[in-house]
Amino acid sequence: MEFKPYSCCRWLHTAIDAVLELTKDNEIQFESIKKITVRTFSNIVQPRHSNYAPKTMMDVIPSLPYCIAVVLAGIEPGPKWFNNENLKDRRLLRMAARVRPLGD
């Protein structure tokens, strides 16, 4: 049996871990992040995984930009990732727009 640490597609977990580790180790604050480039496999560059403004839970689950934004904002994985307040949060959406997945 395996438990997923994040409330999203398992394909996104490595990138989320890397972003969290880099920001923590280098004491980078949420507000100071201007751009995040994620080099990953080509499937993540597809529109479903590059959704910058998900509208529903089913949109959030595969969205690398949004999932990175919520985890950087300190929102614990779980139902709060999918609530209407966070889905409309301009601060989260601005951060999601700064995430650029690049296929390798």
PDB file of N, CA and C in Angstrom:
ATOM      1  N   MET A   1       0.841  -1.169   0.000  1.00  0.00           N
ATOM      2  CA  MET A   1       0.000   0.000   0.000  1.00  0.00           C
ATOM      3  C   MET A   1       0.892   1.239   0.000  1.00  0.00           C
ATOM      4  N   GLU A   2       0.405   2.282  -0.635  1.00  0.00           N
ATOM      5  CA  GLU A   2       1.154   3.529  -0.730  1.00  0.00           C
ATOM      6  C   GLU A   2       0.222   4.701  -0.476  1.00  0.00           C
ATOM      7  N   PHE A   3       0.741   5.710   0.194  1.00  0.00           N
ATOM      8  CA  PHE A   3      -0.022   6.929   0.432  1.00  0.00           C
ATOM      9  C   PHE A   3       0.634   8.073  -0.322  1.00  0.00           C
ATOM     10  N   LYS A   4      -0.180   8.873  -0.981  1.00  0.00           N
ATOM     11  CA  LYS A   4       0.332  10.024  -1.721  1.00  0.00           C
ATOM     12  C   LYS A   4       0.445  11.214  -0.759  1.00  0.00           C
ATOM     13  N   PRO A   5       1.583  11.909  -0.778  1.00  0.00           N
ATOM     14  CA  PRO A   5       1.720  13.051   0.124  1.00  0.00           C
ATOM     15  C   PRO A   5       0.976  14.302  -0.337  1.00  0.00           C
ATOM     16  N   TYR A   6       0.608  14.353  -1.608  1.00  0.00           N
ATOM     17  CA  TYR A   6      -0.067  15.534  -2.139  1.00  0.00           C
ATOM     18  C   TYR A   6      -1.385  15.150  -2.799  1.00  0.00           C
ATOM     19  N   SER A   7      -2.322  16.090  -2.774  1.00  0.00           N
ATOM     20  CA  SER A   7      -3.665  15.869  -3.312  1.00  0.00           C
ATOM     21  C   SER A   7      -3.698  16.164  -4.803  1.00  0.00           C
ATOM     22  N   CYS A   8      -2.897  15.410  -5.557  1.00  0.00           N
ATOM     23  CA  CYS A   8      -2.815  15.655  -6.992  1.00  0.00           C
ATOM     24  C   CYS A   8      -2.251  14.423  -7.694  1.00  0.00           C
ATOM     25  N   CYS A   9      -2.138  14.531  -8.992  1.00  0.00           N
ATOM     26  CA  CYS A   9      -1.581  13.469  -9.818  1.00  0.00           C
ATOM     27  C   CYS A   9      -0.176  13.110  -9.332  1.00  0.00           C
ATOM     28  N   ARG A  10       0.106  11.837  -9.228  1.00  0.00           N
ATOM     29  CA  ARG A  10       1.411  11.369  -8.736  1.00  0.00           C
ATOM     30  C   ARG A  10       2.561  11.865  -9.609  1.00  0.00           C
ATOM     31  N   TRP A  11       2.320  12.112 -10.872  1.00  0.00           N
ATOM     32  CA  TRP A  11       3.358  12.611 -11.776  1.00  0.00           C
ATOM     33  C   TRP A  11       3.919  13.956 -11.312  1.00  0.00           C
ATOM     34  N   LEU A  12       3.177  14.714 -10.542  1.00  0.00           N
ATOM     35  CA  LEU A  12       3.575  16.052 -10.132  1.00  0.00           C
ATOM     36  C   LEU A  12       4.403  16.072  -8.854  1.00  0.00           C
ATOM     37  N   HIS A  13       4.405  14.978  -8.124  1.00  0.00           N
ATOM     38  CA  HIS A  13       4.997  14.960  -6.790  1.00  0.00           C
ATOM     39  C   HIS A  13       6.490  15.293  -6.764  1.00  0.00           C
ATOM     40  N   THR A  14       7.250  14.795  -7.711  1.00  0.00           N
ATOM     41  CA  THR A  14       8.686  15.059  -7.724  1.00  0.00           C
ATOM     42  C   THR A  14       8.961  16.546  -7.905  1.00  0.00           C
ATOM     43  N   ALA A  15       8.251  17.185  -8.806  1.00  0.00           N
ATOM     44  CA  ALA A  15       8.435  18.623  -9.023  1.00  0.00           C
ATOM     45  C   ALA A  15       8.038  19.415  -7.782  1.00  0.00           C
ATOM     46  N   ILE A  16       6.956  19.033  -7.137  1.00  0.00           N
ATOM     47  CA  ILE A  16       6.519  19.713  -5.914  1.00  0.00           C
ATOM     48  C   ILE A  16       7.588  19.559  -4.833  1.00  0.00           C
ATOM     49  N   ASP A  17       8.091  18.343  -4.650  1.00  0.00           N
ATOM     50  CA  ASP A  17       9.153  18.122  -3.662  1.00  0.00           C
ATOM     51  C   ASP A  17      10.379  18.984  -3.953  1.00  0.00           C
ATOM     52  N   ALA A  18      10.770  19.063  -5.211  1.00  0.00           N
ATOM     53  CA  ALA A  18      11.952  19.844  -5.593  1.00  0.00           C
ATOM     54  C   ALA A  18      11.745  21.331  -5.303  1.00  0.00           C
ATOM     55  N   VAL A  19      10.577  21.867  -5.649  1.00  0.00           N
ATOM     56  CA  VAL A  19      10.292  23.279  -5.407  1.00  0.00           C
ATOM     57  C   VAL A  19      10.280  23.571  -3.903  1.00  0.00           C
ATOM     58  N   LEU A  20       9.665  22.705  -3.134  1.00  0.00           N
ATOM     59  CA  LEU A  20       9.642  22.902  -1.683  1.00  0.00           C
ATOM     60  C   LEU A  20      11.043  22.852  -1.088  1.00  0.00           C
ATOM     61  N   GLU A  21      11.840  21.905  -1.528  1.00  0.00           N
ATOM     62  CA  GLU A  21      13.201  21.779  -1.014  1.00  0.00           C
ATOM     63  C   GLU A  21      14.044  23.012  -1.372  1.00  0.00           C
ATOM     64  N   LEU A  22      13.950  23.457  -2.618  1.00  0.00           N
ATOM     65  CA  LEU A  22      14.717  24.636  -3.044  1.00  0.00           C
ATOM     66  C   LEU A  22      14.309  25.895  -2.284  1.00  0.00           C
ATOM     67  N   THR A  23      13.017  26.098  -2.107  1.00  0.00           N
ATOM     68  CA  THR A  23      12.564  27.307  -1.418  1.00  0.00           C
ATOM     69  C   THR A  23      12.913  27.254   0.067  1.00  0.00           C
ATOM     70  N   LYS A  24      12.820  26.079   0.671  1.00  0.00           N
ATOM     71  CA  LYS A  24      13.151  25.943   2.093  1.00  0.00           C
ATOM     72  C   LYS A  24      14.652  26.089   2.319  1.00  0.00           C
ATOM     73  N   ASP A  25      15.454  25.349   1.559  1.00  0.00           N
ATOM     74  CA  ASP A  25      16.908  25.379   1.730  1.00  0.00           C
ATOM     75  C   ASP A  25      17.501  26.748   1.474  1.00  0.00           C
ATOM     76  N   ASN A  26      16.877  27.525   0.600  1.00  0.00           N
ATOM     77  CA  ASN A  26      17.396  28.847   0.235  1.00  0.00           C
ATOM     78  C   ASN A  26      16.598  29.990   0.847  1.00  0.00           C
ATOM     79  N   GLU A  27      15.681  29.645   1.749  1.00  0.00           N
ATOM     80  CA  GLU A  27      14.853  30.632   2.457  1.00  0.00           C
ATOM     81  C   GLU A  27      14.181  31.620   1.501  1.00  0.00           C
ATOM     82  N   ILE A  28      13.606  31.075   0.433  1.00  0.00           N
ATOM     83  CA  ILE A  28      12.917  31.893  -0.567  1.00  0.00           C
ATOM     84  C   ILE A  28      11.464  32.075  -0.131  1.00  0.00           C
ATOM     85  N   GLN A  29      11.039  33.317  -0.081  1.00  0.00           N
ATOM     86  CA  GLN A  29       9.683  33.640   0.340  1.00  0.00           C
ATOM     87  C   GLN A  29       8.725  33.616  -0.862  1.00  0.00           C
ATOM     88  N   PHE A  30       7.491  33.217  -0.619  1.00  0.00           N
ATOM     89  CA  PHE A  30       6.450  33.125  -1.644  1.00  0.00           C
ATOM     90  C   PHE A  30       6.400  34.396  -2.497  1.00  0.00           C
ATOM     91  N   GLU A  31       6.373  35.546  -1.843  1.00  0.00           N
ATOM     92  CA  GLU A  31       6.196  36.825  -2.523  1.00  0.00           C
ATOM     93  C   GLU A  31       7.369  37.178  -3.437  1.00  0.00           C
ATOM     94  N   SER A  32       8.544  36.615  -3.175  1.00  0.00           N
ATOM     95  CA  SER A  32       9.726  36.986  -3.955  1.00  0.00           C
ATOM     96  C   SER A  32       9.909  36.145  -5.218  1.00  0.00           C
ATOM     97  N   ILE A  33       9.103  35.121  -5.402  1.00  0.00           N
ATOM     98  CA  ILE A  33       9.254  34.235  -6.558  1.00  0.00           C
ATOM     99  C   ILE A  33       8.684  34.901  -7.809  1.00  0.00           C
ATOM    100  N   LYS A  34       9.520  35.056  -8.806  1.00  0.00           N
ATOM    101  CA  LYS A  34       9.115  35.684 -10.067  1.00  0.00           C
ATOM    102  C   LYS A  34       8.813  34.658 -11.151  1.00  0.00           C
ATOM    103  N   LYS A  35       9.512  33.513 -11.107  1.00  0.00           N
ATOM    104  CA  LYS A  35       9.345  32.499 -12.149  1.00  0.00           C
ATOM    105  C   LYS A  35       9.854  31.159 -11.628  1.00  0.00           C
ATOM    106  N   ILE A  36       9.161  30.106 -12.007  1.00  0.00           N
ATOM    107  CA  ILE A  36       9.597  28.748 -11.700  1.00  0.00           C
ATOM    108  C   ILE A  36       9.571  27.961 -12.997  1.00  0.00           C
ATOM    109  N   THR A  37      10.701  27.435 -13.381  1.00  0.00           N
ATOM    110  CA  THR A  37      10.789  26.592 -14.570  1.00  0.00           C
ATOM    111  C   THR A  37      10.975  25.160 -14.107  1.00  0.00           C
ATOM    112  N   VAL A  38      10.099  24.286 -14.560  1.00  0.00           N
ATOM    113  CA  VAL A  38      10.165  22.877 -14.185  1.00  0.00           C
ATOM    114  C   VAL A  38      10.512  22.066 -15.420  1.00  0.00           C
ATOM    115  N   ARG A  39      11.698  21.503 -15.440  1.00  0.00           N
ATOM    116  CA  ARG A  39      12.077  20.594 -16.531  1.00  0.00           C
ATOM    117  C   ARG A  39      11.548  19.221 -16.154  1.00  0.00           C
ATOM    118  N   THR A  40      10.716  18.692 -17.012  1.00  0.00           N
ATOM    119  CA  THR A  40      10.023  17.449 -16.703  1.00  0.00           C
ATOM    120  C   THR A  40       9.779  16.673 -17.988  1.00  0.00           C
ATOM    121  N   PHE A  41       9.129  15.546 -17.879  1.00  0.00           N
ATOM    122  CA  PHE A  41       8.852  14.772 -19.083  1.00  0.00           C
ATOM    123  C   PHE A  41       7.708  15.408 -19.872  1.00  0.00           C
ATOM    124  N   SER A  42       7.680  15.117 -21.161  1.00  0.00           N
ATOM    125  CA  SER A  42       6.817  15.851 -22.091  1.00  0.00           C
ATOM    126  C   SER A  42       5.320  15.763 -21.792  1.00  0.00           C
ATOM    127  N   ASN A  43       4.849  14.722 -21.137  1.00  0.00           N
ATOM    128  CA  ASN A  43       3.412  14.628 -20.836  1.00  0.00           C
ATOM    129  C   ASN A  43       2.930  15.787 -19.961  1.00  0.00           C
ATOM    130  N   ILE A  44       3.774  16.299 -19.113  1.00  0.00           N
ATOM    131  CA  ILE A  44       3.381  17.373 -18.196  1.00  0.00           C
ATOM    132  C   ILE A  44       3.194  18.701 -18.923  1.00  0.00           C
ATOM    133  N   VAL A  45       3.707  18.825 -20.123  1.00  0.00           N
ATOM    134  CA  VAL A  45       3.545  20.055 -20.894  1.00  0.00           C
ATOM    135  C   VAL A  45       2.170  20.110 -21.562  1.00  0.00           C
ATOM    136  N   GLN A  46       1.451  19.033 -21.557  1.00  0.00           N
ATOM    137  CA  GLN A  46       0.112  18.985 -22.148  1.00  0.00           C
ATOM    138  C   GLN A  46      -0.824  19.935 -21.401  1.00  0.00           C
ATOM    139  N   PRO A  47      -1.824  20.501 -22.069  1.00  0.00           N
ATOM    140  CA  PRO A  47      -2.731  21.481 -21.442  1.00  0.00           C
ATOM    141  C   PRO A  47      -3.348  21.012 -20.122  1.00  0.00           C
ATOM    142  N   ARG A  48      -3.691  19.767 -20.023  1.00  0.00           N
ATOM    143  CA  ARG A  48      -4.322  19.263 -18.800  1.00  0.00           C
ATOM    144  C   ARG A  48      -3.402  19.446 -17.586  1.00  0.00           C
ATOM    145  N   HIS A  49      -2.114  19.256 -17.784  1.00  0.00           N
ATOM    146  CA  HIS A  49      -1.151  19.362 -16.683  1.00  0.00           C
ATOM    147  C   HIS A  49      -0.567  20.764 -16.544  1.00  0.00           C
ATOM    148  N   SER A  50      -0.830  21.627 -17.489  1.00  0.00           N
ATOM    149  CA  SER A  50      -0.309  22.994 -17.463  1.00  0.00           C
ATOM    150  C   SER A  50      -1.421  24.022 -17.240  1.00  0.00           C
ATOM    151  N   ASN A  51      -2.516  23.608 -16.641  1.00  0.00           N
ATOM    152  CA  ASN A  51      -3.660  24.479 -16.392  1.00  0.00           C
ATOM    153  C   ASN A  51      -3.309  25.503 -15.311  1.00  0.00           C
ATOM    154  N   TYR A  52      -3.285  26.779 -15.680  1.00  0.00           N
ATOM    155  CA  TYR A  52      -2.896  27.839 -14.758  1.00  0.00           C
ATOM    156  C   TYR A  52      -4.048  28.362 -13.906  1.00  0.00           C
ATOM    157  N   ALA A  53      -5.256  28.049 -14.278  1.00  0.00           N
ATOM    158  CA  ALA A  53      -6.417  28.540 -13.532  1.00  0.00           C
ATOM    159  C   ALA A  53      -7.504  27.465 -13.480  1.00  0.00           C
ATOM    160  N   PRO A  54      -7.261  26.401 -12.734  1.00  0.00           N
ATOM    161  CA  PRO A  54      -8.270  25.336 -12.661  1.00  0.00           C
ATOM    162  C   PRO A  54      -9.568  25.840 -12.026  1.00  0.00           C
ATOM    163  N   LYS A  55     -10.672  25.278 -12.470  1.00  0.00           N
ATOM    164  CA  LYS A  55     -11.984  25.709 -11.987  1.00  0.00           C
ATOM    165  C   LYS A  55     -12.641  24.682 -11.063  1.00  0.00           C
ATOM    166  N   THR A  56     -12.229  23.417 -11.184  1.00  0.00           N
ATOM    167  CA  THR A  56     -12.858  22.346 -10.409  1.00  0.00           C
ATOM    168  C   THR A  56     -11.779  21.426  -9.821  1.00  0.00           C
ATOM    169  N   MET A  57     -12.206  20.565  -8.926  1.00  0.00           N
ATOM    170  CA  MET A  57     -11.292  19.581  -8.346  1.00  0.00           C
ATOM    171  C   MET A  57     -10.629  18.749  -9.438  1.00  0.00           C
ATOM    172  N   MET A  58     -11.389  18.367 -10.441  1.00  0.00           N
ATOM    173  CA  MET A  58     -10.846  17.543 -11.516  1.00  0.00           C
ATOM    174  C   MET A  58      -9.832  18.307 -12.362  1.00  0.00           C
ATOM    175  N   ASP A  59      -9.916  19.634 -12.371  1.00  0.00           N
ATOM    176  CA  ASP A  59      -8.909  20.455 -13.041  1.00  0.00           C
ATOM    177  C   ASP A  59      -7.646  20.583 -12.187  1.00  0.00           C
ATOM    178  N   VAL A  60      -7.818  20.631 -10.871  1.00  0.00           N
ATOM    179  CA  VAL A  60      -6.688  20.809  -9.947  1.00  0.00           C
ATOM    180  C   VAL A  60      -5.782  19.587  -9.937  1.00  0.00           C
ATOM    181  N   ILE A  61      -6.353  18.416  -9.877  1.00  0.00           N
ATOM    182  CA  ILE A  61      -5.587  17.183  -9.685  1.00  0.00           C
ATOM    183  C   ILE A  61      -4.408  17.046 -10.659  1.00  0.00           C
ATOM    184  N   PRO A  62      -4.546  17.353 -11.954  1.00  0.00           N
ATOM    185  CA  PRO A  62      -3.400  17.230 -12.852  1.00  0.00           C
ATOM    186  C   PRO A  62      -2.632  18.536 -13.090  1.00  0.00           C
ATOM    187  N   SER A  63      -2.996  19.633 -12.423  1.00  0.00           N
ATOM    188  CA  SER A  63      -2.426  20.951 -12.733  1.00  0.00           C
ATOM    189  C   SER A  63      -1.128  21.224 -11.967  1.00  0.00           C
ATOM    190  N   LEU A  64       0.002  21.087 -12.642  1.00  0.00           N
ATOM    191  CA  LEU A  64       1.295  21.357 -12.014  1.00  0.00           C
ATOM    192  C   LEU A  64       1.409  22.798 -11.525  1.00  0.00           C
ATOM    193  N   PRO A  65       1.081  23.810 -12.320  1.00  0.00           N
ATOM    194  CA  PRO A  65       1.229  25.194 -11.839  1.00  0.00           C
ATOM    195  C   PRO A  65       0.410  25.493 -10.581  1.00  0.00           C
ATOM    196  N   TYR A  66      -0.838  25.075 -10.582  1.00  0.00           N
ATOM    197  CA  TYR A  66      -1.693  25.354  -9.425  1.00  0.00           C
ATOM    198  C   TYR A  66      -1.211  24.597  -8.199  1.00  0.00           C
ATOM    199  N   CYS A  67      -0.858  23.333  -8.357  1.00  0.00           N
ATOM    200  CA  CYS A  67      -0.421  22.532  -7.210  1.00  0.00           C
ATOM    201  C   CYS A  67       0.864  23.086  -6.610  1.00  0.00           C
ATOM    202  N   ILE A  68       1.777  23.561  -7.438  1.00  0.00           N
ATOM    203  CA  ILE A  68       2.984  24.193  -6.914  1.00  0.00           C
ATOM    204  C   ILE A  68       2.610  25.475  -6.165  1.00  0.00           C
ATOM    205  N   ALA A  69       1.692  26.249  -6.700  1.00  0.00           N
ATOM    206  CA  ALA A  69       1.272  27.492  -6.042  1.00  0.00           C
ATOM    207  C   ALA A  69       0.667  27.229  -4.671  1.00  0.00           C
ATOM    208  N   VAL A  70      -0.229  26.265  -4.561  1.00  0.00           N
ATOM    209  CA  VAL A  70      -0.874  26.031  -3.256  1.00  0.00           C
ATOM    210  C   VAL A  70       0.105  25.478  -2.231  1.00  0.00           C
ATOM    211  N   VAL A  71       1.007  24.629  -2.665  1.00  0.00           N
ATOM    212  CA  VAL A  71       1.968  24.069  -1.709  1.00  0.00           C
ATOM    213  C   VAL A  71       2.959  25.148  -1.264  1.00  0.00           C
ATOM    214  N   LEU A  72       3.360  26.035  -2.161  1.00  0.00           N
ATOM    215  CA  LEU A  72       4.251  27.142  -1.775  1.00  0.00           C
ATOM    216  C   LEU A  72       3.547  28.120  -0.836  1.00  0.00           C
ATOM    217  N   ALA A  73       2.244  28.246  -0.968  1.00  0.00           N
ATOM    218  CA  ALA A  73       1.471  29.126  -0.094  1.00  0.00           C
ATOM    219  C   ALA A  73       1.272  28.511   1.296  1.00  0.00           C
ATOM    220  N   GLY A  74       1.712  27.271   1.458  1.00  0.00           N
ATOM    221  CA  GLY A  74       1.601  26.614   2.763  1.00  0.00           C
ATOM    222  C   GLY A  74       0.265  25.957   3.022  1.00  0.00           C
ATOM    223  N   ILE A  75      -0.525  25.754   1.989  1.00  0.00           N
ATOM    224  CA  ILE A  75      -1.831  25.109   2.153  1.00  0.00           C
ATOM    225  C   ILE A  75      -1.612  23.605   2.217  1.00  0.00           C
ATOM    226  N   GLU A  76      -2.025  23.013   3.306  1.00  0.00           N
ATOM    227  CA  GLU A  76      -1.848  21.577   3.513  1.00  0.00           C
ATOM    228  C   GLU A  76      -2.586  20.784   2.442  1.00  0.00           C
ATOM    229  N   PRO A  77      -1.959  19.722   1.925  1.00  0.00           N
ATOM    230  CA  PRO A  77      -2.651  18.875   0.946  1.00  0.00           C
ATOM    231  C   PRO A  77      -3.957  18.342   1.522  1.00  0.00           C
ATOM    232  N   GLY A  78      -4.992  18.405   0.713  1.00  0.00           N
ATOM    233  CA  GLY A  78      -6.296  17.934   1.154  1.00  0.00           C
ATOM    234  C   GLY A  78      -7.402  18.775   0.545  1.00  0.00           C
ATOM    235  N   PRO A  79      -8.556  18.768   1.166  1.00  0.00           N
ATOM    236  CA  PRO A  79      -9.740  19.437   0.608  1.00  0.00           C
ATOM    237  C   PRO A  79      -9.570  20.930   0.341  1.00  0.00           C
ATOM    238  N   LYS A  80      -8.725  21.609   1.116  1.00  0.00           N
ATOM    239  CA  LYS A  80      -8.554  23.053   0.908  1.00  0.00           C
ATOM    240  C   LYS A  80      -7.958  23.372  -0.460  1.00  0.00           C
ATOM    241  N   TRP A  81      -7.221  22.429  -1.043  1.00  0.00           N
ATOM    242  CA  TRP A  81      -6.669  22.660  -2.382  1.00  0.00           C
ATOM    243  C   TRP A  81      -7.787  22.872  -3.389  1.00  0.00           C
ATOM    244  N   PHE A  82      -8.971  22.344  -3.117  1.00  0.00           N
ATOM    245  CA  PHE A  82     -10.062  22.323  -4.085  1.00  0.00           C
ATOM    246  C   PHE A  82     -11.205  23.273  -3.748  1.00  0.00           C
ATOM    247  N   ASN A  83     -11.113  23.983  -2.634  1.00  0.00           N
ATOM    248  CA  ASN A  83     -12.268  24.818  -2.274  1.00  0.00           C
ATOM    249  C   ASN A  83     -12.346  26.061  -3.151  1.00  0.00           C
ATOM    250  N   ASN A  84     -13.541  26.612  -3.256  1.00  0.00           N
ATOM    251  CA  ASN A  84     -13.789  27.752  -4.148  1.00  0.00           C
ATOM    252  C   ASN A  84     -12.943  28.966  -3.794  1.00  0.00           C
ATOM    253  N   GLU A  85     -12.714  29.178  -2.513  1.00  0.00           N
ATOM    254  CA  GLU A  85     -11.911  30.322  -2.080  1.00  0.00           C
ATOM    255  C   GLU A  85     -10.505  30.256  -2.677  1.00  0.00           C
ATOM    256  N   ASN A  86      -9.873  29.100  -2.602  1.00  0.00           N
ATOM    257  CA  ASN A  86      -8.522  28.964  -3.144  1.00  0.00           C
ATOM    258  C   ASN A  86      -8.505  28.913  -4.666  1.00  0.00           C
ATOM    259  N   LEU A  87      -9.527  28.333  -5.259  1.00  0.00           N
ATOM    260  CA  LEU A  87      -9.582  28.283  -6.724  1.00  0.00           C
ATOM    261  C   LEU A  87      -9.704  29.683  -7.335  1.00  0.00           C
ATOM    262  N   LYS A  88     -10.203  30.636  -6.556  1.00  0.00           N
ATOM    263  CA  LYS A  88     -10.376  32.014  -7.041  1.00  0.00           C
ATOM    264  C   LYS A  88      -9.353  32.979  -6.445  1.00  0.00           C
ATOM    265  N   ASP A  89      -8.463  32.486  -5.619  1.00  0.00           N
ATOM    266  CA  ASP A  89      -7.483  33.327  -4.935  1.00  0.00           C
ATOM    267  C   ASP A  89      -6.480  33.903  -5.942  1.00  0.00           C
ATOM    268  N   ARG A  90      -6.517  35.209  -6.123  1.00  0.00           N
ATOM    269  CA  ARG A  90      -5.653  35.868  -7.123  1.00  0.00           C
ATOM    270  C   ARG A  90      -4.173  35.656  -6.836  1.00  0.00           C
ATOM    271  N   ARG A  91      -3.814  35.607  -5.581  1.00  0.00           N
ATOM    272  CA  ARG A  91      -2.417  35.392  -5.215  1.00  0.00           C
ATOM    273  C   ARG A  91      -1.944  34.021  -5.686  1.00  0.00           C
ATOM    274  N   LEU A  92      -2.777  32.996  -5.499  1.00  0.00           N
ATOM    275  CA  LEU A  92      -2.434  31.645  -5.963  1.00  0.00           C
ATOM    276  C   LEU A  92      -2.398  31.581  -7.481  1.00  0.00           C
ATOM    277  N   LEU A  93      -3.364  32.211  -8.123  1.00  0.00           N
ATOM    278  CA  LEU A  93      -3.416  32.185  -9.583  1.00  0.00           C
ATOM    279  C   LEU A  93      -2.242  32.937 -10.210  1.00  0.00           C
ATOM    280  N   ARG A  94      -1.815  34.030  -9.573  1.00  0.00           N
ATOM    281  CA  ARG A  94      -0.626  34.747 -10.068  1.00  0.00           C
ATOM    282  C   ARG A  94       0.617  33.870  -9.949  1.00  0.00           C
ATOM    283  N   MET A  95       0.726  33.148  -8.824  1.00  0.00           N
ATOM    284  CA  MET A  95       1.875  32.263  -8.660  1.00  0.00           C
ATOM    285  C   MET A  95       1.819  31.128  -9.673  1.00  0.00           C
ATOM    286  N   ALA A  96       0.639  30.542  -9.879  1.00  0.00           N
ATOM    287  CA  ALA A  96       0.502  29.462 -10.859  1.00  0.00           C
ATOM    288  C   ALA A  96       0.943  29.935 -12.242  1.00  0.00           C
ATOM    289  N   ALA A  97       0.630  31.180 -12.583  1.00  0.00           N
ATOM    290  CA  ALA A  97       0.998  31.725 -13.882  1.00  0.00           C
ATOM    291  C   ALA A  97       2.513  31.877 -14.043  1.00  0.00           C
ATOM    292  N   ARG A  98       3.245  31.846 -12.934  1.00  0.00           N
ATOM    293  CA  ARG A  98       4.720  31.961 -12.974  1.00  0.00           C
ATOM    294  C   ARG A  98       5.424  30.622 -13.173  1.00  0.00           C
ATOM    295  N   VAL A  99       4.665  29.544 -13.125  1.00  0.00           N
ATOM    296  CA  VAL A  99       5.244  28.203 -13.257  1.00  0.00           C
ATOM    297  C   VAL A  99       5.229  27.799 -14.725  1.00  0.00           C
ATOM    298  N   ARG A 100       6.384  27.439 -15.248  1.00  0.00           N
ATOM    299  CA  ARG A 100       6.521  27.039 -16.642  1.00  0.00           C
ATOM    300  C   ARG A 100       7.103  25.638 -16.740  1.00  0.00           C
ATOM    301  N   PRO A 101       6.269  24.655 -17.064  1.00  0.00           N
ATOM    302  CA  PRO A 101       6.811  23.313 -17.296  1.00  0.00           C
ATOM    303  C   PRO A 101       7.445  23.220 -18.681  1.00  0.00           C
ATOM    304  N   LEU A 102       8.629  22.672 -18.763  1.00  0.00           N
ATOM    305  CA  LEU A 102       9.316  22.462 -20.033  1.00  0.00           C
ATOM    306  C   LEU A 102       9.555  20.979 -20.218  1.00  0.00           C
ATOM    307  N   GLY A 103       9.082  20.465 -21.345  1.00  0.00           N
ATOM    308  CA  GLY A 103       9.249  19.036 -21.638  1.00  0.00           C
ATOM    309  C   GLY A 103      10.680  18.688 -21.976  1.00  0.00           C
ATOM    310  N   ASP A 104      11.111  17.556 -21.500  1.00  0.00           N
ATOM    311  CA  ASP A 104      12.465  17.086 -21.749  1.00  0.00           C
ATOM    312  C   ASP A 104      12.419  15.826 -22.587  1.00  0.00           C
TER     313      ASP A 104
END
